[in-house]
All heavy atoms as atom14 arrays in JSON, in Angstrom:
{
  "sequence": "KFVKYGGYDIKGRKLNPPVSTGFNNTNKRDRNTTNICIIGRIHEDKGF",
  "atom14_mask": [
    [1, 1, 1, 1, 1, 1, 1, 1, 1, 0, 0, 0, 0, 0],
    [1, 1, 1, 1, 1, 1, 1, 1, 1, 1, 1, 0, 0, 0],
    [1, 1, 1, 1, 1, 1, 1, 0, 0, 0, 0, 0, 0, 0],
    [1, 1, 1, 1, 1, 1, 1, 1, 1, 0, 0, 0, 0, 0],
    [1, 1, 1, 1, 1, 1, 1, 1, 1, 1, 1, 1, 0, 0],
    [1, 1, 1, 1, 0, 0, 0, 0, 0, 0, 0, 0, 0, 0],
    [1, 1, 1, 1, 0, 0, 0, 0, 0, 0, 0, 0, 0, 0],
    [1, 1, 1, 1, 1, 1, 1, 1, 1, 1, 1, 1, 0, 0],
    [1, 1, 1, 1, 1, 1, 1, 1, 0, 0, 0, 0, 0, 0],
    [1, 1, 1, 1, 1, 1, 1, 1, 0, 0, 0, 0, 0, 0],
    [1, 1, 1, 1, 1, 1, 1, 1, 1, 0, 0, 0, 0, 0],
    [1, 1, 1, 1, 0, 0, 0, 0, 0, 0, 0, 0, 0, 0],
    [1, 1, 1, 1, 1, 1, 1, 1, 1, 1, 1, 0, 0, 0],
    [1, 1, 1, 1, 1, 1, 1, 1, 1, 0, 0, 0, 0, 0],
    [1, 1, 1, 1, 1, 1, 1, 1, 0, 0, 0, 0, 0, 0],
    [1, 1, 1, 1, 1, 1, 1, 1, 0, 0, 0, 0, 0, 0],
    [1, 1, 1, 1, 1, 1, 1, 0, 0, 0, 0, 0, 0, 0],
    [1, 1, 1, 1, 1, 1, 1, 0, 0, 0, 0, 0, 0, 0],
    [1, 1, 1, 1, 1, 1, 1, 0, 0, 0, 0, 0, 0, 0],
    [1, 1, 1, 1, 1, 1, 0, 0, 0, 0, 0, 0, 0, 0],
    [1, 1, 1, 1, 1, 1, 1, 0, 0, 0, 0, 0, 0, 0],
    [1, 1, 1, 1, 0, 0, 0, 0, 0, 0, 0, 0, 0, 0],
    [1, 1, 1, 1, 1, 1, 1, 1, 1, 1, 1, 0, 0, 0],
    [1, 1, 1, 1, 1, 1, 1, 1, 0, 0, 0, 0, 0, 0],
    [1, 1, 1, 1, 1, 1, 1, 1, 0, 0, 0, 0, 0, 0],
    [1, 1, 1, 1, 1, 1, 1, 0, 0, 0, 0, 0, 0, 0],
    [1, 1, 1, 1, 1, 1, 1, 1, 0, 0, 0, 0, 0, 0],
    [1, 1, 1, 1, 1, 1, 1, 1, 1, 0, 0, 0, 0, 0],
    [1, 1, 1, 1, 1, 1, 1, 1, 1, 1, 1, 0, 0, 0],
    [1, 1, 1, 1, 1, 1, 1, 1, 0, 0, 0, 0, 0, 0],
    [1, 1, 1, 1, 1, 1, 1, 1, 1, 1, 1, 0, 0, 0],
    [1, 1, 1, 1, 1, 1, 1, 1, 0, 0, 0, 0, 0, 0],
    [1, 1, 1, 1, 1, 1, 1, 0, 0, 0, 0, 0, 0, 0],
    [1, 1, 1, 1, 1, 1, 1, 0, 0, 0, 0, 0, 0, 0],
    [1, 1, 1, 1, 1, 1, 1, 1, 0, 0, 0, 0, 0, 0],
    [1, 1, 1, 1, 1, 1, 1, 1, 0, 0, 0, 0, 0, 0],
    [1, 1, 1, 1, 1, 1, 0, 0, 0, 0, 0, 0, 0, 0],
    [1, 1, 1, 1, 1, 1, 1, 1, 0, 0, 0, 0, 0, 0],
    [1, 1, 1, 1, 1, 1, 1, 1, 0, 0, 0, 0, 0, 0],
    [1, 1, 1, 1, 0, 0, 0, 0, 0, 0, 0, 0, 0, 0],
    [1, 1, 1, 1, 1, 1, 1, 1, 1, 1, 1, 0, 0, 0],
    [1, 1, 1, 1, 1, 1, 1, 1, 0, 0, 0, 0, 0, 0],
    [1, 1, 1, 1, 1, 1, 1, 1, 1, 1, 0, 0, 0, 0],
    [1, 1, 1, 1, 1, 1, 1, 1, 1, 0, 0, 0, 0, 0],
    [1, 1, 1, 1, 1, 1, 1, 1, 0, 0, 0, 0, 0, 0],
    [1, 1, 1, 1, 1, 1, 1, 1, 1, 0, 0, 0, 0, 0],
    [1, 1, 1, 1, 0, 0, 0, 0, 0, 0, 0, 0, 0, 0],
    [1, 1, 1, 1, 1, 1, 1, 1, 1, 1, 1, 0, 0, 0]
  ],
  "atom14_positions": [
    [[208.26, 96.44, -5.97], [206.95, 96.75, -5.44], [207.07, 97.59, -4.16], [206.3, 98.53, -3.93], [206.17, 95.47, -5.14], [205.72, 94.73, -6.38], [204.64, 95.5, -7.14], [204.11, 94.7, -8.31], [203.07, 95.43, -9.07], [0.0, 0.0, 0.0], [0.0, 0.0, 0.0], [0.0, 0.0, 0.0], [0.0, 0.0, 0.0], [0.0, 0.0, 0.0]],
    [[208.04, 97.24, -3.33], [208.26, 97.96, -2.07], [208.59, 99.42, -2.34], [208.03, 100.34, -1.72], [209.42, 97.29, -1.31], [209.78, 97.97, -0.02], [208.98, 97.86, 1.11], [210.95, 98.72, 0.07], [209.34, 98.48, 2.3], [211.31, 99.34, 1.25], [210.49, 99.22, 2.38], [0.0, 0.0, 0.0], [0.0, 0.0, 0.0], [0.0, 0.0, 0.0]],
    [[209.48, 99.65, -3.29], [209.87, 101.02, -3.63], [208.71, 101.76, -4.3], [208.43, 102.93, -4.0], [211.1, 101.02, -4.55], [211.43, 102.43, -5.03], [212.31, 100.42, -3.83], [0.0, 0.0, 0.0], [0.0, 0.0, 0.0], [0.0, 0.0, 0.0], [0.0, 0.0, 0.0], [0.0, 0.0, 0.0], [0.0, 0.0, 0.0], [0.0, 0.0, 0.0]],
    [[208.01, 101.06, -5.18], [206.89, 101.67, -5.91], [205.83, 102.22, -4.97], [205.26, 103.29, -5.2], [206.27, 100.65, -6.86], [205.07, 101.19, -7.63], [204.5, 100.12, -8.56], [203.27, 100.65, -9.3], [202.71, 99.63, -10.23], [0.0, 0.0, 0.0], [0.0, 0.0, 0.0], [0.0, 0.0, 0.0], [0.0, 0.0, 0.0], [0.0, 0.0, 0.0]],
    [[205.58, 101.5, -3.9], [204.5, 101.9, -2.99], [205.0, 102.64, -1.76], [204.38, 102.6, -0.71], [203.68, 100.67, -2.6], [202.91, 100.11, -3.76], [203.29, 98.91, -4.36], [201.82, 100.78, -4.29], [202.59, 98.4, -5.45], [201.11, 100.28, -5.37], [201.5, 99.1, -5.95], [200.81, 98.61, -7.03], [0.0, 0.0, 0.0], [0.0, 0.0, 0.0]],
    [[206.14, 103.34, -1.93], [206.56, 104.27, -0.91], [207.7, 103.84, -0.02], [208.11, 104.58, 0.87], [0.0, 0.0, 0.0], [0.0, 0.0, 0.0], [0.0, 0.0, 0.0], [0.0, 0.0, 0.0], [0.0, 0.0, 0.0], [0.0, 0.0, 0.0], [0.0, 0.0, 0.0], [0.0, 0.0, 0.0], [0.0, 0.0, 0.0], [0.0, 0.0, 0.0]],
    [[208.24, 102.65, -0.25], [209.36, 102.2, 0.57], [210.67, 102.83, 0.12], [210.76, 103.43, -0.95], [0.0, 0.0, 0.0], [0.0, 0.0, 0.0], [0.0, 0.0, 0.0], [0.0, 0.0, 0.0], [0.0, 0.0, 0.0], [0.0, 0.0, 0.0], [0.0, 0.0, 0.0], [0.0, 0.0, 0.0], [0.0, 0.0, 0.0], [0.0, 0.0, 0.0]],
    [[211.68, 102.69, 0.93], [213.0, 103.22, 0.59], [213.84, 102.11, -0.03], [213.58, 100.94, 0.16], [213.68, 103.78, 1.85], [213.79, 102.79, 2.97], [214.89, 101.93, 3.08], [212.79, 102.68, 3.94], [214.99, 101.01, 4.1], [212.88, 101.76, 4.96], [213.98, 100.93, 5.04], [214.07, 100.02, 6.06], [0.0, 0.0, 0.0], [0.0, 0.0, 0.0]],
    [[214.85, 102.5, -0.75], [215.69, 101.52, -1.45], [217.15, 101.72, -1.04], [218.02, 101.93, -1.87], [215.53, 101.68, -2.97], [216.12, 100.49, -3.72], [216.3, 99.43, -3.1], [216.4, 100.63, -4.92], [0.0, 0.0, 0.0], [0.0, 0.0, 0.0], [0.0, 0.0, 0.0], [0.0, 0.0, 0.0], [0.0, 0.0, 0.0], [0.0, 0.0, 0.0]],
    [[217.38, 101.72, 0.24], [218.73, 101.88, 0.77], [219.21, 100.55, 1.33], [218.61, 99.97, 2.22], [218.76, 102.95, 1.88], [218.34, 104.31, 1.3], [220.13, 103.05, 2.51], [218.25, 105.4, 2.32], [0.0, 0.0, 0.0], [0.0, 0.0, 0.0], [0.0, 0.0, 0.0], [0.0, 0.0, 0.0], [0.0, 0.0, 0.0], [0.0, 0.0, 0.0]],
    [[220.29, 100.05, 0.76], [220.88, 98.78, 1.18], [219.89, 97.63, 1.17], [219.96, 96.72, 1.98], [221.51, 98.91, 2.57], [222.93, 99.44, 2.55], [223.67, 99.06, 3.82], [225.15, 99.35, 3.64], [225.95, 98.93, 4.8], [0.0, 0.0, 0.0], [0.0, 0.0, 0.0], [0.0, 0.0, 0.0], [0.0, 0.0, 0.0], [0.0, 0.0, 0.0]],
    [[218.94, 97.7, 0.29], [218.01, 96.58, 0.16], [218.66, 95.47, -0.63], [219.02, 95.66, -1.78], [0.0, 0.0, 0.0], [0.0, 0.0, 0.0], [0.0, 0.0, 0.0], [0.0, 0.0, 0.0], [0.0, 0.0, 0.0], [0.0, 0.0, 0.0], [0.0, 0.0, 0.0], [0.0, 0.0, 0.0], [0.0, 0.0, 0.0], [0.0, 0.0, 0.0]],
    [[218.85, 94.34, 0.0], [219.56, 93.23, -0.64], [218.64, 92.02, -0.82], [217.64, 91.89, -0.13], [220.77, 92.85, 0.2], [221.82, 93.97, 0.21], [222.84, 93.78, 1.31], [222.23, 93.82, 2.64], [222.93, 93.84, 3.77], [224.24, 93.82, 3.72], [222.31, 93.87, 4.92], [0.0, 0.0, 0.0], [0.0, 0.0, 0.0], [0.0, 0.0, 0.0]],
    [[219.01, 91.16, -1.75], [218.18, 90.02, -2.07], [218.66, 88.77, -1.35], [219.84, 88.48, -1.31], [218.17, 89.8, -3.58], [217.23, 88.73, -4.05], [216.97, 88.83, -5.53], [218.24, 88.7, -6.35], [217.97, 88.71, -7.79], [0.0, 0.0, 0.0], [0.0, 0.0, 0.0], [0.0, 0.0, 0.0], [0.0, 0.0, 0.0], [0.0, 0.0, 0.0]],
    [[217.7, 88.03, -0.79], [218.0, 86.77, -0.13], [216.89, 85.78, -0.48], [215.84, 85.76, 0.15], [218.09, 86.98, 1.39], [218.68, 85.83, 2.21], [220.13, 85.56, 1.8], [218.61, 86.15, 3.7], [0.0, 0.0, 0.0], [0.0, 0.0, 0.0], [0.0, 0.0, 0.0], [0.0, 0.0, 0.0], [0.0, 0.0, 0.0], [0.0, 0.0, 0.0]],
    [[217.13, 85.0, -1.53], [216.12, 84.06, -2.01], [215.87, 82.95, -1.0], [216.82, 82.33, -0.52], [216.58, 83.41, -3.32], [216.71, 84.37, -4.47], [217.66, 84.29, -5.23], [215.76, 85.28, -4.62], [0.0, 0.0, 0.0], [0.0, 0.0, 0.0], [0.0, 0.0, 0.0], [0.0, 0.0, 0.0], [0.0, 0.0, 0.0], [0.0, 0.0, 0.0]],
    [[214.63, 82.68, -0.66], [214.32, 81.54, 0.21], [214.82, 80.24, -0.42], [214.71, 80.05, -1.63], [212.79, 81.56, 0.29], [212.42, 82.98, 0.03], [213.41, 83.47, -0.98], [0.0, 0.0, 0.0], [0.0, 0.0, 0.0], [0.0, 0.0, 0.0], [0.0, 0.0, 0.0], [0.0, 0.0, 0.0], [0.0, 0.0, 0.0], [0.0, 0.0, 0.0]],
    [[215.36, 79.34, 0.39], [215.9, 78.09, -0.15], [214.85, 77.0, -0.25], [213.77, 77.09, 0.35], [216.96, 77.72, 0.9], [216.35, 78.19, 2.19], [215.63, 79.48, 1.83], [0.0, 0.0, 0.0], [0.0, 0.0, 0.0], [0.0, 0.0, 0.0], [0.0, 0.0, 0.0], [0.0, 0.0, 0.0], [0.0, 0.0, 0.0], [0.0, 0.0, 0.0]],
    [[215.18, 75.97, -0.98], [214.36, 74.77, -1.04], [214.78, 73.86, 0.11], [215.96, 73.59, 0.29], [214.54, 74.03, -2.37], [213.74, 72.73, -2.39], [214.1, 74.92, -3.52], [0.0, 0.0, 0.0], [0.0, 0.0, 0.0], [0.0, 0.0, 0.0], [0.0, 0.0, 0.0], [0.0, 0.0, 0.0], [0.0, 0.0, 0.0], [0.0, 0.0, 0.0]],
    [[213.82, 73.38, 0.86], [214.12, 72.47, 1.96], [214.77, 71.19, 1.43], [214.46, 70.72, 0.33], [212.83, 72.11, 2.7], [213.03, 71.0, 3.56], [0.0, 0.0, 0.0], [0.0, 0.0, 0.0], [0.0, 0.0, 0.0], [0.0, 0.0, 0.0], [0.0, 0.0, 0.0], [0.0, 0.0, 0.0], [0.0, 0.0, 0.0], [0.0, 0.0, 0.0]],
    [[215.68, 70.64, 2.22], [216.34, 69.38, 1.83], [215.35, 68.23, 1.75], [215.67, 67.17, 1.22], [217.44, 69.02, 2.84], [216.88, 68.98, 4.16], [218.57, 70.03, 2.8], [0.0, 0.0, 0.0], [0.0, 0.0, 0.0], [0.0, 0.0, 0.0], [0.0, 0.0, 0.0], [0.0, 0.0, 0.0], [0.0, 0.0, 0.0], [0.0, 0.0, 0.0]],
    [[214.14, 68.46, 2.26], [213.12, 67.41, 2.19], [212.54, 67.2, 0.8], [211.82, 66.22, 0.57], [0.0, 0.0, 0.0], [0.0, 0.0, 0.0], [0.0, 0.0, 0.0], [0.0, 0.0, 0.0], [0.0, 0.0, 0.0], [0.0, 0.0, 0.0], [0.0, 0.0, 0.0], [0.0, 0.0, 0.0], [0.0, 0.0, 0.0], [0.0, 0.0, 0.0]],
    [[212.87, 68.1, -0.13], [212.38, 67.96, -1.5], [213.49, 67.44, -2.39], [214.54, 68.07, -2.55], [211.85, 69.3, -2.01], [210.61, 69.75, -1.3], [210.69, 70.62, -0.23], [209.36, 69.28, -1.68], [209.55, 71.03, 0.45], [208.22, 69.68, -1.01], [208.31, 70.55, 0.06], [0.0, 0.0, 0.0], [0.0, 0.0, 0.0], [0.0, 0.0, 0.0]],
    [[213.26, 66.28, -2.98], [214.27, 65.64, -3.82], [213.62, 64.62, -4.73], [212.47, 64.22, -4.53], [215.34, 64.98, -2.95], [214.72, 64.02, -1.95], [214.33, 62.91, -2.3], [214.6, 64.46, -0.7], [0.0, 0.0, 0.0], [0.0, 0.0, 0.0], [0.0, 0.0, 0.0], [0.0, 0.0, 0.0], [0.0, 0.0, 0.0], [0.0, 0.0, 0.0]],
    [[214.36, 64.2, -5.72], [213.88, 63.2, -6.68], [214.14, 61.81, -6.12], [215.29, 61.42, -5.93], [214.59, 63.39, -8.01], [214.06, 62.47, -9.1], [213.22, 61.61, -8.85], [214.55, 62.64, -10.32], [0.0, 0.0, 0.0], [0.0, 0.0, 0.0], [0.0, 0.0, 0.0], [0.0, 0.0, 0.0], [0.0, 0.0, 0.0], [0.0, 0.0, 0.0]],
    [[213.08, 61.06, -5.85], [213.23, 59.72, -5.29], [213.41, 58.65, -6.37], [213.56, 57.47, -6.05], [211.99, 59.36, -4.44], [210.82, 59.4, -5.27], [211.84, 60.35, -3.28], [0.0, 0.0, 0.0], [0.0, 0.0, 0.0], [0.0, 0.0, 0.0], [0.0, 0.0, 0.0], [0.0, 0.0, 0.0], [0.0, 0.0, 0.0], [0.0, 0.0, 0.0]],
    [[213.39, 59.07, -7.65], [213.58, 58.16, -8.79], [212.54, 57.04, -8.82], [212.82, 55.94, -9.27], [215.0, 57.57, -8.76], [216.07, 58.62, -9.01], [215.99, 59.37, -9.96], [217.06, 58.67, -8.12], [0.0, 0.0, 0.0], [0.0, 0.0, 0.0], [0.0, 0.0, 0.0], [0.0, 0.0, 0.0], [0.0, 0.0, 0.0], [0.0, 0.0, 0.0]],
    [[211.33, 57.34, -8.36], [210.25, 56.35, -8.37], [209.12, 56.74, -9.33], [208.09, 56.1, -9.38], [209.69, 56.17, -6.96], [210.69, 55.58, -5.97], [210.08, 55.42, -4.59], [211.09, 54.81, -3.62], [210.54, 54.66, -2.25], [0.0, 0.0, 0.0], [0.0, 0.0, 0.0], [0.0, 0.0, 0.0], [0.0, 0.0, 0.0], [0.0, 0.0, 0.0]],
    [[209.34, 57.79, -10.08], [208.31, 58.29, -11.0], [208.1, 57.3, -12.15], [209.06, 56.85, -12.78], [208.75, 59.66, -11.51], [207.72, 60.42, -12.3], [208.21, 61.84, -12.61], [208.03, 62.74, -11.48], [209.03, 63.27, -10.81], [210.29, 62.99, -11.13], [208.78, 64.09, -9.8], [0.0, 0.0, 0.0], [0.0, 0.0, 0.0], [0.0, 0.0, 0.0]],
    [[206.85, 56.98, -12.42], [206.51, 56.06, -13.51], [206.54, 56.83, -14.83], [205.67, 57.66, -15.08], [205.12, 55.46, -13.26], [204.73, 54.43, -14.32], [205.49, 54.25, -15.29], [203.65, 53.83, -14.18], [0.0, 0.0, 0.0], [0.0, 0.0, 0.0], [0.0, 0.0, 0.0], [0.0, 0.0, 0.0], [0.0, 0.0, 0.0], [0.0, 0.0, 0.0]],
    [[207.51, 56.52, -15.66], [207.68, 57.25, -16.92], [206.69, 56.8, -17.99], [206.65, 57.36, -19.08], [209.12, 57.08, -17.43], [210.14, 57.81, -16.58], [209.91, 59.3, -16.62], [210.8, 60.03, -15.71], [210.69, 61.33, -15.45], [209.73, 62.04, -16.03], [211.52, 61.92, -14.62], [0.0, 0.0, 0.0], [0.0, 0.0, 0.0], [0.0, 0.0, 0.0]],
    [[205.9, 55.79, -17.7], [204.91, 55.33, -18.68], [203.56, 56.02, -18.51], [202.62, 55.73, -19.26], [204.72, 53.81, -18.56], [205.98, 53.05, -18.94], [206.61, 53.36, -19.94], [206.35, 52.08, -18.12], [0.0, 0.0, 0.0], [0.0, 0.0, 0.0], [0.0, 0.0, 0.0], [0.0, 0.0, 0.0], [0.0, 0.0, 0.0], [0.0, 0.0, 0.0]],
    [[203.47, 56.9, -17.53], [202.24, 57.64, -17.31], [202.55, 59.14, -17.33], [203.7, 59.55, -17.35], [201.6, 57.28, -15.95], [202.53, 57.61, -14.9], [201.27, 55.81, -15.88], [0.0, 0.0, 0.0], [0.0, 0.0, 0.0], [0.0, 0.0, 0.0], [0.0, 0.0, 0.0], [0.0, 0.0, 0.0], [0.0, 0.0, 0.0], [0.0, 0.0, 0.0]],
    [[201.51, 59.95, -17.31], [201.66, 61.4, -17.2], [200.64, 61.92, -16.2], [199.44, 61.88, -16.45], [201.47, 62.1, -18.56], [202.53, 61.72, -19.45], [201.51, 63.62, -18.38], [0.0, 0.0, 0.0], [0.0, 0.0, 0.0], [0.0, 0.0, 0.0], [0.0, 0.0, 0.0], [0.0, 0.0, 0.0], [0.0, 0.0, 0.0], [0.0, 0.0, 0.0]],
    [[201.15, 62.38, -15.08], [200.31, 62.93, -14.03], [200.6, 64.42, -13.84], [201.76, 64.83, -13.87], [200.55, 62.21, -12.7], [200.25, 60.73, -12.78], [199.33, 60.32, -13.5], [201.01, 59.91, -12.08], [0.0, 0.0, 0.0], [0.0, 0.0, 0.0], [0.0, 0.0, 0.0], [0.0, 0.0, 0.0], [0.0, 0.0, 0.0], [0.0, 0.0, 0.0]],
    [[199.55, 65.19, -13.65], [199.67, 66.63, -13.43], [199.42, 66.92, -11.96], [198.54, 66.33, -11.33], [198.66, 67.4, -14.29], [198.94, 67.21, -15.78], [198.67, 68.9, -13.94], [197.88, 67.82, -16.69], [0.0, 0.0, 0.0], [0.0, 0.0, 0.0], [0.0, 0.0, 0.0], [0.0, 0.0, 0.0], [0.0, 0.0, 0.0], [0.0, 0.0, 0.0]],
    [[200.19, 67.85, -11.42], [200.01, 68.26, -10.03], [199.88, 69.78, -9.96], [200.57, 70.51, -10.68], [201.22, 67.81, -9.19], [201.16, 68.33, -7.46], [0.0, 0.0, 0.0], [0.0, 0.0, 0.0], [0.0, 0.0, 0.0], [0.0, 0.0, 0.0], [0.0, 0.0, 0.0], [0.0, 0.0, 0.0], [0.0, 0.0, 0.0], [0.0, 0.0, 0.0]],
    [[198.97, 70.24, -9.12], [198.79, 71.67, -8.91], [198.36, 71.91, -7.47], [197.71, 71.05, -6.86], [197.73, 72.26, -9.88], [197.6, 73.77, -9.7], [196.39, 71.55, -9.73], [196.75, 74.44, -10.77], [0.0, 0.0, 0.0], [0.0, 0.0, 0.0], [0.0, 0.0, 0.0], [0.0, 0.0, 0.0], [0.0, 0.0, 0.0], [0.0, 0.0, 0.0]],
    [[198.75, 73.04, -6.92], [198.26, 73.44, -5.61], [197.03, 74.31, -5.82], [197.11, 75.39, -6.4], [199.34, 74.19, -4.81], [200.54, 73.26, -4.56], [198.77, 74.69, -3.48], [201.69, 73.92, -3.85], [0.0, 0.0, 0.0], [0.0, 0.0, 0.0], [0.0, 0.0, 0.0], [0.0, 0.0, 0.0], [0.0, 0.0, 0.0], [0.0, 0.0, 0.0]],
    [[195.89, 73.82, -5.37], [194.64, 74.54, -5.59], [194.24, 75.34, -4.37], [194.09, 74.8, -3.28], [0.0, 0.0, 0.0], [0.0, 0.0, 0.0], [0.0, 0.0, 0.0], [0.0, 0.0, 0.0], [0.0, 0.0, 0.0], [0.0, 0.0, 0.0], [0.0, 0.0, 0.0], [0.0, 0.0, 0.0], [0.0, 0.0, 0.0], [0.0, 0.0, 0.0]],
    [[194.06, 76.63, -4.54], [193.63, 77.51, -3.45], [192.41, 78.31, -3.9], [192.23, 78.58, -5.1], [194.75, 78.48, -3.05], [196.06, 77.81, -2.63], [195.9, 76.85, -1.47], [195.28, 77.46, -0.3], [195.97, 78.06, 0.68], [197.28, 78.15, 0.62], [195.33, 78.57, 1.73], [0.0, 0.0, 0.0], [0.0, 0.0, 0.0], [0.0, 0.0, 0.0]],
    [[191.6, 78.71, -2.93], [190.37, 79.43, -3.28], [190.62, 80.92, -3.55], [189.81, 81.57, -4.21], [189.3, 79.28, -2.19], [189.81, 79.82, -0.84], [188.86, 77.83, -2.06], [188.75, 79.82, 0.24], [0.0, 0.0, 0.0], [0.0, 0.0, 0.0], [0.0, 0.0, 0.0], [0.0, 0.0, 0.0], [0.0, 0.0, 0.0], [0.0, 0.0, 0.0]],
    [[191.74, 81.47, -3.07], [192.0, 82.9, -3.27], [192.16, 83.17, -4.77], [192.87, 82.46, -5.49], [193.27, 83.32, -2.54], [193.43, 84.8, -2.43], [193.76, 85.6, -3.51], [193.31, 85.65, -1.37], [193.84, 86.86, -3.12], [193.56, 86.91, -1.82], [0.0, 0.0, 0.0], [0.0, 0.0, 0.0], [0.0, 0.0, 0.0], [0.0, 0.0, 0.0]],
    [[191.51, 84.21, -5.24], [191.49, 84.53, -6.68], [192.89, 84.69, -7.26], [193.15, 84.25, -8.4], [190.68, 85.81, -6.9], [190.51, 86.18, -8.35], [189.68, 87.43, -8.56], [189.29, 88.06, -7.54], [189.41, 87.79, -9.72], [0.0, 0.0, 0.0], [0.0, 0.0, 0.0], [0.0, 0.0, 0.0], [0.0, 0.0, 0.0], [0.0, 0.0, 0.0]],
    [[193.8, 85.31, -6.5], [195.15, 85.56, -7.01], [195.95, 84.27, -7.25], [196.98, 84.3, -7.94], [195.94, 86.47, -6.06], [195.86, 87.93, -6.48], [195.22, 88.21, -7.52], [196.43, 88.78, -5.78], [0.0, 0.0, 0.0], [0.0, 0.0, 0.0], [0.0, 0.0, 0.0], [0.0, 0.0, 0.0], [0.0, 0.0, 0.0], [0.0, 0.0, 0.0]],
    [[195.5, 83.16, -6.67], [196.21, 81.9, -6.87], [195.88, 81.26, -8.21], [196.56, 80.34, -8.66], [195.89, 80.93, -5.74], [196.4, 81.39, -4.38], [197.91, 81.61, -4.38], [198.43, 82.06, -3.02], [199.9, 82.28, -3.02], [0.0, 0.0, 0.0], [0.0, 0.0, 0.0], [0.0, 0.0, 0.0], [0.0, 0.0, 0.0], [0.0, 0.0, 0.0]],
    [[194.82, 81.75, -8.86], [194.55, 81.37, -10.25], [194.08, 79.95, -10.49], [194.17, 79.46, -11.62], [0.0, 0.0, 0.0], [0.0, 0.0, 0.0], [0.0, 0.0, 0.0], [0.0, 0.0, 0.0], [0.0, 0.0, 0.0], [0.0, 0.0, 0.0], [0.0, 0.0, 0.0], [0.0, 0.0, 0.0], [0.0, 0.0, 0.0], [0.0, 0.0, 0.0]],
    [[193.56, 79.28, -9.46], [193.11, 77.91, -9.69], [191.97, 77.86, -10.7], [191.86, 76.9, -11.48], [192.67, 77.28, -8.36], [192.33, 75.82, -8.47], [193.25, 74.91, -8.96], [191.07, 75.36, -8.09], [192.93, 73.55, -9.07], [190.75, 74.01, -8.19], [191.67, 73.1, -8.68], [0.0, 0.0, 0.0], [0.0, 0.0, 0.0], [0.0, 0.0, 0.0]]
  ]
}
């Protein structure tokens, strides 16, 4: 997108943002139920 809209592509390297160590599986999920989670935002591009 950067290049498409006029940016340069010299030495542009990728650095993926990491997941914080605060996110992990606590092994407390109830497997007898099914719950859905979504982040709801009002901005149209978020697609809620």
